[in-house]
Amino acid sequence: MLKLEKSQTGIASEFYVAAELSRRGYNVTLTLGNTKAIDL
């Protein structure tokens, strides 16, 4: 079984949440880089 790094898990979670919000009709944009205050 492959173990993901904490940063990989966080990034995957952001994409999952963005996909769910988009599916529900929201316009979602992910920020690139290490932006602490804003992710979506």
Protein backbone atom coordinates (compact mmCIF):
# COMPACT_ATOMS: atom_id res chain seq x y z
CA MET A 1 0.00 0.00 0.00
CA LEU A 2 1.31 3.42 -0.95
CA LYS A 3 1.52 5.97 1.84
CA LEU A 4 0.98 9.58 0.78
CA GLU A 5 2.85 12.51 2.23
CA LYS A 6 0.82 14.98 4.28
CA SER A 7 1.11 17.64 1.56
CA GLN A 8 -0.18 15.20 -1.07
CA THR A 9 -3.18 14.35 1.07
CA GLY A 10 -3.93 18.06 1.54
CA ILE A 11 -3.74 18.77 -2.17
CA ALA A 12 -5.95 15.79 -2.99
CA SER A 13 -8.48 17.01 -0.42
CA GLU A 14 -8.55 20.47 -1.98
CA PHE A 15 -9.27 18.98 -5.40
CA TYR A 16 -12.01 16.78 -3.93
CA VAL A 17 -13.71 19.74 -2.23
CA ALA A 18 -13.37 21.85 -5.39
CA ALA A 19 -14.98 19.06 -7.44
CA GLU A 20 -17.86 18.72 -4.98
CA LEU A 21 -18.51 22.47 -4.91
CA SER A 22 -18.35 22.62 -8.70
CA ARG A 23 -20.76 19.70 -8.98
CA ARG A 24 -23.17 21.64 -6.76
CA GLY A 25 -23.06 24.68 -9.05
CA TYR A 26 -20.34 26.85 -7.48
CA ASN A 27 -17.55 28.46 -9.49
CA VAL A 28 -14.34 27.26 -7.84
CA THR A 29 -10.73 28.22 -8.48
CA LEU A 30 -7.74 26.61 -6.80
CA THR A 31 -4.82 28.83 -5.87
CA LEU A 32 -1.38 27.72 -7.01
CA GLY A 33 1.67 27.80 -4.80
CA ASN A 34 1.85 27.94 -1.04
CA THR A 35 -0.89 30.48 -0.26
CA LYS A 36 -1.68 30.10 3.45
CA ALA A 37 -4.81 32.26 3.71
CA ILE A 38 -6.70 30.96 0.66
CA ASP A 39 -6.97 27.49 -0.88
CA LEU A 40 -10.19 27.61 -2.93
